Structure formats: structure tokens, C-alpha cells
Protein backbone atom coordinates (compact mmCIF):
# COMPACT_ATOMS: atom_id res chain seq x y z
CA UNK A 1 -120.32 29.39 -130.30
CA UNK A 2 -122.74 30.46 -127.58
CA UNK A 3 -123.41 28.51 -124.40
CA UNK A 4 -127.07 28.07 -125.22
CA UNK A 5 -126.26 26.13 -128.36
CA UNK A 6 -124.62 23.47 -126.22
CA UNK A 7 -127.92 22.53 -124.65
CA UNK A 8 -129.45 20.68 -127.56
CA UNK A 9 -130.83 17.17 -127.48
CA UNK A 10 -131.02 15.32 -124.15
CA UNK A 11 -129.49 18.04 -122.01
CA UNK A 12 -132.14 20.57 -122.97
CA UNK A 13 -135.05 18.29 -122.02
CA UNK A 14 -135.29 19.72 -118.54
CA UNK A 15 -135.33 23.53 -118.12
CA UNK A 16 -134.64 23.14 -114.41
CA UNK A 17 -131.67 20.91 -115.06
CA UNK A 18 -130.34 23.37 -117.64
CA UNK A 19 -130.56 26.24 -115.14
CA UNK A 20 -128.80 24.19 -112.45
CA UNK A 21 -126.06 23.24 -114.84
CA UNK A 22 -125.48 26.89 -115.83
CA UNK A 23 -125.42 27.88 -112.15
CA UNK A 24 -122.96 25.11 -111.45
CA UNK A 25 -120.66 26.38 -114.21
CA UNK A 26 -120.98 30.06 -113.39
CA UNK A 27 -117.67 31.64 -112.43
CA UNK A 28 -115.81 28.45 -113.28
CA UNK A 29 -112.27 28.56 -114.70
CA UNK A 30 -113.41 26.60 -117.74
CA UNK A 31 -113.41 27.02 -121.51
CA UNK A 32 -116.29 26.51 -123.91
CA UNK A 33 -114.58 23.31 -125.09
CA UNK A 34 -114.48 21.98 -121.52
CA UNK A 35 -118.04 23.09 -120.97
CA UNK A 36 -119.14 20.98 -123.95
CA UNK A 37 -117.25 18.05 -122.52
CA UNK A 38 -119.15 18.50 -119.23
CA UNK A 39 -122.43 18.44 -121.15
CA UNK A 40 -121.36 15.22 -122.83
CA UNK A 41 -120.43 13.80 -119.40
CA UNK A 42 -123.98 14.43 -118.15
CA UNK A 43 -125.34 12.53 -121.17
CA UNK A 44 -122.89 9.69 -120.39
CA UNK A 45 -124.06 9.59 -116.80
CA UNK A 46 -127.64 9.25 -117.95
CA UNK A 47 -126.71 6.28 -120.08
CA UNK A 48 -124.81 4.73 -117.17
CA UNK A 49 -127.88 5.12 -114.97
CA UNK A 50 -129.93 3.04 -117.37
CA UNK A 51 -127.70 -0.02 -116.97
CA UNK A 52 -126.38 0.23 -113.41
CA UNK A 53 -127.87 -0.69 -110.06
CA UNK A 54 -128.00 2.32 -107.71
CA UNK A 55 -128.33 0.03 -104.65
CA UNK A 56 -124.93 -1.52 -105.46
CA UNK A 57 -122.86 1.67 -105.55
CA UNK A 58 -119.68 1.84 -103.54
CA UNK A 59 -119.65 4.14 -100.48
CA UNK A 60 -118.15 7.61 -100.72
CA UNK A 61 -114.45 8.01 -100.04
CA UNK A 62 -112.06 10.59 -98.69
CA UNK A 63 -113.29 13.80 -97.08
CA UNK A 64 -116.99 13.13 -97.80
CA UNK A 65 -116.90 9.67 -96.28
CA UNK A 66 -115.22 10.97 -93.13
CA UNK A 67 -117.89 13.68 -92.89
CA UNK A 68 -120.63 11.07 -93.29
CA UNK A 69 -119.24 8.83 -90.53
CA UNK A 70 -118.63 11.75 -88.17
CA UNK A 71 -122.18 12.95 -88.84
CA UNK A 72 -123.80 9.57 -88.26
CA UNK A 73 -121.96 9.10 -84.95
CA UNK A 74 -123.12 12.50 -83.78
CA UNK A 75 -126.66 11.70 -84.90
CA UNK A 76 -126.52 8.38 -83.06
CA UNK A 77 -125.37 10.08 -79.87
CA UNK A 78 -128.00 12.80 -79.90
CA UNK A 79 -130.91 10.47 -80.77
CA UNK A 80 -129.91 8.11 -77.96
CA UNK A 81 -130.04 11.09 -75.56
CA UNK A 82 -133.38 12.22 -76.93
CA UNK A 83 -134.85 8.70 -76.70
CA UNK A 84 -134.06 8.69 -72.97
CA UNK A 85 -136.02 11.92 -72.73
CA UNK A 86 -139.00 10.35 -74.57
CA UNK A 87 -138.34 12.19 -77.85
CA UNK A 88 -138.53 10.15 -81.04
CA UNK A 89 -137.19 11.09 -84.48
CA UNK A 90 -136.81 8.97 -87.60
CA UNK A 91 -134.52 8.94 -90.64
CA UNK A 92 -135.74 11.21 -93.39
CA UNK A 93 -134.89 12.60 -96.86
CA UNK A 94 -131.53 11.47 -98.24
CA UNK A 95 -130.74 9.28 -95.25
CA UNK A 96 -134.01 7.42 -95.53
CA UNK A 97 -133.47 6.98 -99.26
CA UNK A 98 -129.99 5.60 -98.53
CA UNK A 99 -131.40 3.24 -95.92
CA UNK A 100 -134.06 1.92 -98.37
CA UNK A 101 -131.58 1.54 -101.19
CA UNK A 102 -128.56 -0.01 -99.52
CA UNK A 103 -128.61 0.50 -95.77
CA UNK A 104 -125.96 3.20 -95.98
CA UNK A 105 -125.43 6.81 -97.14
CA UNK A 106 -126.08 7.83 -100.71
CA UNK A 107 -122.45 8.27 -101.91
CA UNK A 108 -122.86 12.00 -102.53
CA UNK A 109 -124.91 12.81 -99.40
CA UNK A 110 -123.21 14.80 -96.67
CA UNK A 111 -125.61 15.34 -93.79
CA UNK A 112 -128.16 13.53 -91.58
CA UNK A 113 -131.87 14.40 -91.72
CA UNK A 114 -134.63 13.40 -89.33
CA UNK A 115 -138.34 13.83 -89.47
CA UNK A 116 -140.05 14.40 -86.10
CA UNK A 117 -143.76 14.48 -85.30
CA UNK A 118 -145.09 17.68 -83.76
CA UNK A 119 -145.56 16.49 -80.16
CA UNK A 120 -141.94 15.28 -80.14
CA UNK A 121 -140.66 18.39 -81.94
CA UNK A 122 -142.23 20.56 -79.21
CA UNK A 123 -140.51 18.40 -76.60
CA UNK A 124 -137.25 18.76 -78.50
CA UNK A 125 -137.39 22.55 -78.25
CA UNK A 126 -138.35 22.42 -74.57
CA UNK A 127 -135.57 19.95 -73.83
CA UNK A 128 -132.90 22.14 -75.35
CA UNK A 129 -134.22 25.33 -73.79
CA UNK A 130 -134.00 23.60 -70.42
CA UNK A 131 -130.70 21.78 -70.78
CA UNK A 132 -128.65 23.54 -73.44
CA UNK A 133 -129.03 26.65 -75.67
CA UNK A 134 -131.43 27.50 -78.49
CA UNK A 135 -130.95 30.18 -81.14
CA UNK A 136 -134.07 31.46 -82.90
CA UNK A 137 -132.74 32.96 -86.10
CA UNK A 138 -134.23 36.08 -87.57
CA UNK A 139 -135.60 34.09 -90.46
CA UNK A 140 -133.88 36.26 -93.04
CA UNK A 141 -131.63 35.23 -95.90
CA UNK A 142 -129.14 32.38 -95.84
CA UNK A 143 -126.37 34.99 -95.42
CA UNK A 144 -128.05 36.55 -92.38
CA UNK A 145 -128.79 33.23 -90.74
CA UNK A 146 -125.28 31.87 -91.18
CA UNK A 147 -123.83 35.02 -89.60
CA UNK A 148 -126.12 34.66 -86.62
CA UNK A 149 -125.32 30.98 -86.29
CA UNK A 150 -121.61 31.62 -86.41
CA UNK A 151 -121.75 34.26 -83.65
CA UNK A 152 -123.98 32.09 -81.51
CA UNK A 153 -121.67 29.06 -81.78
CA UNK A 154 -118.65 31.16 -80.85
CA UNK A 155 -120.38 31.99 -77.56
CA UNK A 156 -121.14 28.32 -76.80
CA UNK A 157 -118.11 26.62 -78.31
CA UNK A 158 -117.90 22.89 -77.59
CA UNK A 159 -121.47 22.61 -76.29
CA UNK A 160 -124.63 21.15 -77.84
CA UNK A 161 -126.92 23.82 -79.33
CA UNK A 162 -130.14 23.84 -81.31
CA UNK A 163 -130.65 26.36 -84.11
CA UNK A 164 -134.33 27.06 -84.81
CA UNK A 165 -134.67 28.38 -88.33
CA UNK A 166 -138.13 29.46 -89.53
CA UNK A 167 -138.64 26.17 -91.36
CA UNK A 168 -136.67 23.48 -89.45
CA UNK A 169 -134.27 22.93 -86.54
CA UNK A 170 -130.59 22.10 -86.68
CA UNK A 171 -128.54 20.41 -83.94
CA UNK A 172 -124.80 20.79 -83.65
CA UNK A 173 -121.87 20.86 -81.28
CA UNK A 174 -120.83 24.53 -81.40
CA UNK A 175 -117.36 24.35 -82.93
CA UNK A 176 -115.78 26.53 -85.53
CA UNK A 177 -117.97 27.04 -88.60
CA UNK A 178 -115.75 25.19 -91.02
CA UNK A 179 -115.58 21.91 -89.11
CA UNK A 180 -119.11 21.96 -87.84
CA UNK A 181 -121.27 18.85 -88.20
CA UNK A 182 -125.03 19.38 -88.14
CA UNK A 183 -128.14 17.23 -87.77
CA UNK A 184 -131.47 18.50 -89.19
CA UNK A 185 -134.94 17.98 -87.72
CA UNK A 186 -138.00 18.57 -89.93
CA UNK A 187 -141.39 18.83 -88.10
CA UNK A 188 -144.47 17.03 -89.36
CA UNK A 189 -148.05 17.37 -88.14
CA UNK A 190 -150.86 14.98 -87.49
CA UNK A 191 -153.70 16.42 -89.57
CA UNK A 192 -157.25 16.25 -88.24
CA UNK A 193 -159.22 13.39 -89.74
CA UNK A 194 -161.66 14.44 -92.44
CA UNK A 195 -159.54 17.42 -93.62
CA UNK A 196 -159.85 18.01 -97.33
CA UNK A 197 -156.38 17.96 -98.93
CA UNK A 198 -157.09 20.65 -101.54
CA UNK A 199 -158.63 22.90 -98.94
CA UNK A 200 -155.59 22.51 -96.69
CA UNK A 201 -153.15 23.04 -99.57
CA UNK A 202 -154.90 26.37 -100.33
CA UNK A 203 -154.59 27.26 -96.66
CA UNK A 204 -150.85 26.57 -96.89
CA UNK A 205 -150.49 28.66 -100.03
CA UNK A 206 -152.35 31.57 -98.40
CA UNK A 207 -150.14 31.26 -95.34
CA UNK A 208 -146.97 31.39 -97.47
CA UNK A 209 -148.23 34.52 -99.24
CA UNK A 210 -148.91 36.21 -95.90
CA UNK A 211 -145.49 35.28 -94.65
CA UNK A 212 -143.90 37.17 -97.52
CA UNK A 213 -145.21 40.40 -96.05
CA UNK A 214 -143.72 39.77 -92.61
CA UNK A 215 -140.54 41.67 -91.76
CA UNK A 216 -137.41 39.52 -91.71
CA UNK A 217 -136.86 39.91 -87.99
CA UNK A 218 -140.35 38.56 -87.25
CA UNK A 219 -140.54 35.60 -89.61
CA UNK A 220 -139.49 32.95 -87.12
CA UNK A 221 -142.03 34.11 -84.54
CA UNK A 222 -144.71 34.48 -87.25
CA UNK A 223 -144.30 30.87 -88.44
CA UNK A 224 -144.21 29.47 -84.92
CA UNK A 225 -147.40 31.33 -83.96
CA UNK A 226 -149.12 30.22 -87.19
CA UNK A 227 -148.20 26.61 -86.52
CA UNK A 228 -149.44 26.80 -82.92
CA UNK A 229 -152.77 28.14 -84.22
CA UNK A 230 -153.12 25.87 -87.22
CA UNK A 231 -156.79 24.83 -87.18
CA UNK A 232 -156.10 21.66 -89.19
CA UNK A 233 -153.30 20.15 -87.08
CA UNK A 234 -153.61 17.86 -84.04
CA UNK A 235 -151.24 17.13 -81.15
CA UNK A 236 -152.75 13.68 -80.82
CA UNK A 237 -152.30 10.93 -83.43
CA UNK A 238 -154.69 10.88 -86.38
CA UNK A 239 -154.87 8.78 -89.54
CA UNK A 240 -153.11 11.35 -91.80
CA UNK A 241 -149.84 13.31 -91.68
CA UNK A 242 -148.49 16.39 -93.42
CA UNK A 243 -145.46 18.68 -93.07
CA UNK A 244 -145.87 21.47 -90.55
CA UNK A 245 -146.33 25.08 -91.55
CA UNK A 246 -142.80 25.70 -90.21
CA UNK A 247 -141.50 23.02 -92.59
CA UNK A 248 -143.50 23.60 -95.80
CA UNK A 249 -141.02 25.88 -97.57
CA UNK A 250 -138.43 23.09 -97.42
CA UNK A 251 -140.87 20.38 -98.47
CA UNK A 252 -142.28 19.49 -101.89
CA UNK A 253 -145.25 17.55 -100.47
CA UNK A 254 -147.78 20.23 -101.31
CA UNK A 255 -146.45 20.83 -104.79
CA UNK A 256 -146.43 17.22 -106.05
CA UNK A 257 -148.65 15.20 -103.73
CA UNK A 258 -152.36 14.64 -104.19
CA UNK A 259 -153.16 13.61 -100.62
CA UNK A 260 -151.90 13.48 -97.08
CA UNK A 261 -149.53 10.72 -95.98
CA UNK A 262 -151.37 7.85 -94.25
CA UNK A 263 -150.13 7.62 -90.66
CA UNK A 264 -149.83 3.86 -90.97
CA UNK A 265 -146.85 4.41 -93.33
CA UNK A 266 -145.03 6.07 -90.43
CA UNK A 267 -146.43 4.95 -87.08
CA UNK A 268 -145.42 2.86 -85.22
CA UNK A 269 -141.76 3.64 -85.82
CA UNK A 270 -139.36 0.73 -85.89
CA UNK A 271 -135.67 0.26 -85.15
CA UNK A 272 -133.17 -0.30 -87.93
CA UNK A 273 -129.39 -0.24 -88.46
CA UNK A 274 -127.91 2.46 -90.62
CA UNK A 275 -124.16 2.89 -91.05
CA UNK A 276 -123.41 0.92 -87.92
CA UNK A 277 -125.82 2.81 -85.61
CA UNK A 278 -129.42 2.14 -84.58
CA UNK A 279 -132.08 4.62 -85.60
CA UNK A 280 -135.82 4.67 -85.95
CA UNK A 281 -137.41 4.57 -89.40
CA UNK A 282 -141.03 4.74 -90.59
CA UNK A 283 -143.20 1.65 -90.28
CA UNK A 284 -143.16 1.35 -94.09
CA UNK A 285 -140.16 3.28 -95.47
CA UNK A 286 -140.81 2.41 -99.11
CA UNK A 287 -144.47 3.53 -99.11
CA UNK A 288 -143.54 6.67 -97.14
CA UNK A 289 -140.90 7.59 -99.72
CA UNK A 290 -143.34 6.85 -102.52
CA UNK A 291 -145.65 9.64 -101.30
CA UNK A 292 -143.23 12.36 -102.36
CA UNK A 293 -143.68 11.86 -106.07
CA UNK A 294 -139.96 12.22 -106.68
CA UNK A 295 -137.98 9.70 -108.79
CA UNK A 296 -138.19 6.33 -107.09
CA UNK A 297 -135.87 5.59 -104.22
CA UNK A 298 -134.52 2.64 -106.21
CA UNK A 299 -133.64 4.71 -109.30
CA UNK A 300 -131.31 7.61 -110.11
CA UNK A 301 -132.81 11.08 -109.74
CA UNK A 302 -132.38 13.36 -112.74
CA UNK A 303 -129.65 15.40 -111.08
CA UNK A 304 -128.01 12.29 -109.60
CA UNK A 305 -128.45 13.70 -106.06
CA UNK A 306 -130.72 15.36 -103.57
CA UNK A 307 -129.68 18.93 -104.23
CA UNK A 308 -126.79 18.10 -106.59
CA UNK A 309 -123.46 16.35 -106.44
CA UNK A 310 -121.80 19.39 -104.83
CA UNK A 311 -123.44 18.81 -101.44
CA UNK A 312 -124.50 21.17 -98.70
CA UNK A 313 -121.08 22.49 -97.79
CA UNK A 314 -120.93 24.24 -101.17
CA UNK A 315 -123.09 26.89 -99.54
CA UNK A 316 -120.57 27.32 -96.73
CA UNK A 317 -117.81 27.76 -99.32
CA UNK A 318 -119.63 30.67 -100.99
CA UNK A 319 -120.56 32.20 -97.63
CA UNK A 320 -116.95 32.28 -96.49
CA UNK A 321 -115.81 33.82 -99.77
CA UNK A 322 -118.23 36.66 -99.11
CA UNK A 323 -118.21 37.06 -95.34
CA UNK A 324 -115.43 35.02 -93.74
CA UNK A 325 -112.00 33.91 -94.87
CA UNK A 326 -111.61 31.34 -97.60
CA UNK A 327 -108.33 29.98 -99.01
CA UNK A 328 -107.98 27.95 -102.21
CA UNK A 329 -104.93 25.74 -102.42
CA UNK A 330 -103.49 24.59 -105.76
CA UNK A 331 -101.25 21.52 -105.94
CA UNK A 332 -99.81 19.79 -109.02
CA UNK A 333 -98.58 16.57 -107.54
CA UNK A 334 -98.99 14.28 -104.53
CA UNK A 335 -95.79 15.75 -103.10
CA UNK A 336 -97.31 19.23 -103.24
CA UNK A 337 -100.48 17.94 -101.57
CA UNK A 338 -98.37 16.52 -98.77
CA UNK A 339 -96.50 19.83 -98.43
CA UNK A 340 -99.73 21.87 -98.31
CA UNK A 341 -101.56 19.46 -95.98
CA UNK A 342 -100.28 21.00 -92.68
CA UNK A 343 -101.43 24.44 -93.82
CA UNK A 344 -104.81 23.07 -94.96
CA UNK A 345 -105.44 21.47 -91.54
CA UNK A 346 -104.31 24.58 -89.61
CA UNK A 347 -106.55 26.80 -91.70
CA UNK A 348 -109.65 24.67 -91.07
CA UNK A 349 -108.80 24.41 -87.36
CA UNK A 350 -108.79 28.22 -87.30
CA UNK A 351 -112.23 28.63 -88.89
CA UNK A 352 -110.83 29.38 -92.38
CA UNK A 353 -112.56 27.55 -95.20
CA UNK A 354 -109.71 25.86 -97.09
CA UNK A 355 -110.10 23.56 -100.08
CA UNK A 356 -107.87 22.23 -102.80
CA UNK A 357 -108.39 23.03 -106.45
CA UNK A 358 -108.28 20.11 -108.88
CA UNK A 359 -105.73 21.09 -111.51
CA UNK A 360 -104.62 17.61 -112.61
CA UNK A 361 -106.80 15.82 -115.21
CA UNK A 362 -107.40 12.14 -114.87
CA UNK A 363 -108.74 9.72 -112.28
CA UNK A 364 -105.55 9.46 -110.28
CA UNK A 365 -105.96 12.97 -108.90
CA UNK A 366 -109.27 12.17 -107.19
CA UNK A 367 -107.78 9.05 -105.64
CA UNK A 368 -104.85 11.05 -104.33
CA UNK A 369 -107.03 13.71 -102.77
CA UNK A 370 -109.43 11.16 -101.31
CA UNK A 371 -106.56 9.27 -99.71
CA UNK A 372 -105.73 12.36 -97.68
CA UNK A 373 -109.38 13.09 -96.79
CA UNK A 374 -109.21 16.68 -97.97
CA UNK A 375 -111.94 18.71 -99.60
CA UNK A 376 -111.32 19.49 -103.27
CA UNK A 377 -113.28 20.99 -106.14
CA UNK A 378 -112.50 21.70 -109.78
CA UNK A 379 -114.08 25.15 -109.76
CA UNK A 380 -112.24 28.22 -108.52
CA UNK A 381 -113.90 31.11 -106.70
CA UNK A 382 -111.91 34.16 -107.73
CA UNK A 383 -113.54 36.17 -104.94
CA UNK A 384 -111.84 34.01 -102.27
CA UNK A 385 -109.80 36.00 -99.82
CA UNK A 386 -106.71 33.89 -100.39
CA UNK A 387 -105.17 31.85 -103.14
CA UNK A 388 -102.22 29.62 -102.23
CA UNK A 389 -99.79 27.80 -104.50
CA UNK A 390 -96.24 26.48 -104.39
CA UNK A 391 -95.60 27.41 -108.03
CA UNK A 392 -96.32 31.11 -108.32
CA UNK A 393 -98.28 33.52 -110.36
CA UNK A 394 -99.68 31.22 -113.06
CA UNK A 395 -101.76 29.42 -110.42
CA UNK A 396 -102.67 32.68 -108.73
CA UNK A 397 -103.73 34.57 -111.85
CA UNK A 398 -107.30 35.78 -111.80
CA UNK A 399 -107.79 36.04 -108.04
CA UNK A 400 -108.91 39.49 -106.99
CA UNK A 401 -107.57 39.53 -103.43
CA UNK A 402 -104.59 38.07 -101.53
CA UNK A 403 -102.14 35.63 -103.02
CA UNK A 404 -99.50 33.53 -101.31
CA UNK A 405 -96.64 31.41 -102.69
CA UNK A 406 -96.24 28.72 -100.04
CA UNK A 407 -92.71 27.95 -98.92
CA UNK A 408 -93.52 25.09 -96.54
CA UNK A 409 -93.79 27.14 -93.32
CA UNK A 410 -97.40 26.50 -92.31
CA UNK A 411 -97.21 28.61 -89.12
CA UNK A 412 -95.96 31.66 -91.00
CA UNK A 413 -98.51 31.23 -93.75
CA UNK A 414 -101.32 30.87 -91.19
CA UNK A 415 -100.23 34.11 -89.51
CA UNK A 416 -100.24 35.98 -92.81
CA UNK A 417 -103.69 34.73 -93.69
CA UNK A 418 -105.26 35.33 -90.26
CA UNK A 419 -103.71 38.80 -90.16
CA UNK A 420 -105.07 39.56 -93.60
CA UNK A 421 -101.90 40.75 -95.23
CA UNK A 422 -101.61 40.39 -99.02
CA UNK A 423 -98.72 39.99 -101.38
């Protein structure tokens, strides 16, 4: 039975969803039978969405909840500092949806996003150049950018830094890559009154085509220069708003919208409480969210998440498997989780991406892992540098690189892994 035959009926309704599902499953240690069960699970989730209230969902738990709370505290601290410097930013994307739905994070969200108007974005860059450190990435691939970011943060460990990608800015305290918490800032422009939306959208499309011809090392500078010379944007408030040229590739406004966002939906910003901290939000959050033509903020999106249930750190996981050091830990009981926990923590403290593999079916396993606030996934990456188990070769079968049967000595295991010796 081929995989394509599984996608009949409801699951095949969305080509995009089908592709995402296949990508999600790729490389998984999973049989066709289990794959069919996953397809049925997606159908069940759709039925659940029809009869449940998304605003009444419980918060996340375990590792993801800890990441959310750590992120929101960092976001609260940096926005307080920026406010004192006269720089305003407001909740955006998943965080704004979470605020509008329930006043807290979407359960599967794992970062904090802000929108920031161009005059304040310019001040943000100037503020960090004057007081901290700014990295302008080459604007290449995700792999290139993450390598640059990692090296930059090693040089400024423990200090606030701003990473200027070609399409947004990211704030973080430069720690090791695995434990790093980041806050994203997406720049929006005031658009000159009277600008025709279709005319401007064509201008954006032409700009994006030109940018494809720019060498990787020049993309960041190219986009910054284009934004500074954008004939349609204004540094003083107008009646309409649109995402900046250095934000368009990460924004679906120009694909699905039919007009600019009225400024009155955003300005004046107002204060609101979100996850125990005070942040600014748009003047009319619901109408602002409604401009994006995505599934309503009060309903389930088709993929049940902004970007998928896996979350942003899934990208880090793959990056470490290719360029850094990644270790996958298999445990079969709560006792084995406890035994492996010291090694897991030491690995992550030493910039090694460690995560547990879910090998126990049933709900209890998730509760166990959540109670220890550890990262776990059901999918193995056989390209990971290390596979660790307390039970031997059956757990380690299929991995292409180093394997380690853990004996309980976390220090010794850490040395073996950091020194790169196999077994």
C-alpha cells in the first residue's frame, strides 16, 4: 500500500497540508500502519475542533511551558528597557492571537513576537548599536545564518545582542545556542496616504524578484537600502500601514490582503496584561488580526498552529544534527528518565542539543516527560551525532554515527560526547 493512497477523503482536501504532513513524517521511525493511524488522528482533531472552544484550552505544560514563561519574562524586561528609551513595540502574530483568544500563550507556541513601526524600529537598531552589539547576517540560508549567529553569541556570551536578519530582527541574551531564548521584532511601515494597494503590491513583487539576483553576502544591505529608499513609505504617521520591505518575505499580507491596514486599528497602542507581564497591543487587536485573512483568531487554524505543532525549535534540532552536536536519549520508564536526566541537563548546558525519544505508547508517557520539563519527540533523526540508551543496541539500531549505552556516569558520558569518540 503506497503512502499516497492514505491521503483520501478529508486529509487530501488541502495540498499544502498534505505536503506538510509528508514532510513531518519524513525520516520518521514509523510503519505504514502507524502512518495511517496518524492520518486518522488528524481527522479526529478536525472533528474535535468543531465542538471545542479554542479560548478555553489549558496552558502548555512541561518543557514548552517553561520556555514560554522564560521567554515572556525576557520580553517583558527588554520592552520595559525600550520603553524608557522611547521605543514602542506591540504583541504580534501568535502572541497577539493568544492574547485575543485567552490572554495567554497558544498552548503550542514557543516564542514571543512583536510588531514595531518603522520610526521605532530605526531607533531600536540605533539603540543597540550604541549600547550593545548588533549582528547583520549575510542574508543567506537558514544554515548560514544560524552558524553566524552561533559564532557571534559565543563572542558576547551573557550580554544582550540584536541579530538583524534581512527580513526581521531578533533579540536575545547571548548564551549557548541550545538554551537561547529569542524575541522577534517585525518592522511595519506607515504608507503614504493615497497609495494604490495594487500598485504597491506590484512594487513589492518586483522588489522581491530583484532581490533574488543579489548575492547572498549583499542581501541584508540590499533590503535595508531598498527600505530606506521606498518611495511609498513614510516616517511620520499616516492613515494606512503595511509590512516593510525588510519584512515582506515573512508576511502573508501581500498574498491574501486586498488593502492596507487602517492605522486606527493599531494606533494609539494600549497597555494590556499577557501572561503576568504588561505589554502594548494594537488599539483594536481583533480588527488588526482580521486583516490577515487567515483562519479567525477565535477558531482553530487548519494545521492547529502557526507553523505547526512542532514549534520553532524543531529547526534548531535539524541544524544541530547537521552542523553541531545532537544527542537523542531513549528511556523506557520513569526510572530511566530520572537516570538520564543529569546527562540531559549537562548536555544542554554544554551547547549540545539533547532530547528524549518517545518510545512508550499511551498518555502517561507525555505526563511523565512533562513533569520533568524535558524536550521530547516521537521522531528519531538517524543523522544525529549521538544516540544514548540504557538498554543497548535495539534502541541504537539505525543511527549512522556514535552510540552510547549509558551506565549512569553523566560526567564520563559528557566527556565522551564532547570529545567525539564513538563506540
